[in-house]
Amino acid sequence: MTILDFATSTATRADVSIPGLAAAQLHDSLWRVTRPAGDVVGYIERFSESRGIRYRAKRLIVRQQRFVPVGEFWSMQEALQCFRMN
């Protein structure tokens, strides 16, 4: 696997781990969250605000073909944790 220099950040796949979920980094500030079978559950987006770096979780609603914001978190681990439910 090749990791591009511009795709590294303080929260990469190796830094976060939730049983039953995988976070694949798409670029510097976006991760796709999937289940072991490959089903996409949502995305996590990293962004800056005046108080620091935040992570926004968006759940994919397949039948409606849209994303629903789940929340904003101070860590990648917290953002990934919200996808464990359901």
Protein backbone atom coordinates (compact mmCIF):
# COMPACT_ATOMS: atom_id res chain seq x y z
CA MET A 1 0.00 0.00 0.00
CA THR A 2 1.27 3.45 -0.86
CA ILE A 3 0.69 6.34 1.53
CA LEU A 4 1.00 9.72 -0.09
CA ASP A 5 2.76 12.51 1.84
CA PHE A 6 -0.19 14.87 1.50
CA ALA A 7 -2.54 12.23 2.95
CA THR A 8 -0.86 12.02 6.33
CA SER A 9 -2.35 13.71 9.35
CA THR A 10 -2.46 13.48 13.13
CA ALA A 11 -5.31 10.93 12.90
CA THR A 12 -4.69 8.18 10.41
CA ARG A 13 -6.11 4.68 10.17
CA ALA A 14 -3.42 3.36 12.50
CA ASP A 15 -4.44 5.85 15.19
CA VAL A 16 -8.10 4.83 15.38
CA SER A 17 -9.58 1.44 15.89
CA ILE A 18 -13.16 0.37 16.53
CA PRO A 19 -14.11 -3.32 16.32
CA GLY A 20 -16.39 -3.92 13.35
CA LEU A 21 -15.51 -0.67 11.57
CA ALA A 22 -12.72 0.49 9.28
CA ALA A 23 -11.81 4.07 8.42
CA ALA A 24 -10.10 4.45 5.04
CA GLN A 25 -8.43 7.81 4.53
CA LEU A 26 -9.47 9.26 1.17
CA HIS A 27 -7.43 12.45 1.46
CA ASP A 28 -5.97 14.69 4.16
CA SER A 29 -9.33 15.57 5.73
CA LEU A 30 -11.78 12.85 4.70
CA TRP A 31 -12.26 9.22 5.77
CA ARG A 32 -14.78 6.62 4.54
CA VAL A 33 -16.20 4.44 7.32
CA THR A 34 -17.10 0.87 6.34
CA ARG A 35 -18.17 -2.38 7.96
CA PRO A 36 -16.02 -5.54 7.44
CA ALA A 37 -18.26 -6.66 4.54
CA GLY A 38 -17.46 -3.39 2.75
CA ASP A 39 -20.77 -1.59 3.38
CA VAL A 40 -20.23 2.17 3.60
CA VAL A 41 -21.75 3.56 6.80
CA GLY A 42 -20.62 7.15 6.42
CA TYR A 43 -17.79 9.63 6.28
CA ILE A 44 -15.70 11.61 8.73
CA GLU A 45 -14.49 15.04 7.72
CA ARG A 46 -11.72 16.94 9.52
CA PHE A 47 -11.97 20.73 9.65
CA SER A 48 -10.48 23.67 11.52
CA GLU A 49 -12.38 26.11 13.67
CA SER A 50 -11.26 28.89 15.98
CA ARG A 51 -10.82 26.51 18.95
CA GLY A 52 -8.92 23.81 17.05
CA ILE A 53 -9.39 20.75 14.85
CA ARG A 54 -12.84 19.12 14.78
CA TYR A 55 -14.23 15.96 13.18
CA ARG A 56 -17.69 15.89 11.56
CA ALA A 57 -19.42 12.52 11.19
CA LYS A 58 -22.00 11.99 8.45
CA ARG A 59 -24.07 8.80 8.23
CA LEU A 60 -25.02 7.49 4.79
CA ILE A 61 -28.75 6.81 4.36
CA VAL A 62 -28.68 4.43 1.39
CA ARG A 63 -32.40 4.34 0.61
CA GLN A 64 -32.61 8.13 0.53
CA GLN A 65 -29.22 8.51 -1.18
CA ARG A 66 -28.09 11.25 1.19
CA PHE A 67 -25.93 11.95 4.21
CA VAL A 68 -27.20 12.95 7.65
CA PRO A 69 -24.87 14.85 9.97
CA VAL A 70 -24.40 12.86 13.18
CA GLY A 71 -22.25 15.29 15.14
CA GLU A 72 -19.01 17.16 15.53
CA PHE A 73 -16.29 15.82 17.80
CA TRP A 74 -12.89 16.81 19.17
CA SER A 75 -11.23 13.52 18.21
CA MET A 76 -11.29 11.07 15.32
CA GLN A 77 -11.90 8.26 17.81
CA GLU A 78 -15.11 9.92 19.09
CA ALA A 79 -16.35 10.54 15.55
CA LEU A 80 -15.75 6.92 14.58
CA GLN A 81 -17.41 5.69 17.78
CA CYS A 82 -20.76 7.26 16.77
CA PHE A 83 -21.02 4.79 13.84
CA ARG A 84 -21.11 1.78 16.20
CA MET A 85 -24.76 2.39 16.94
CA ASN A 86 -27.28 0.73 14.58
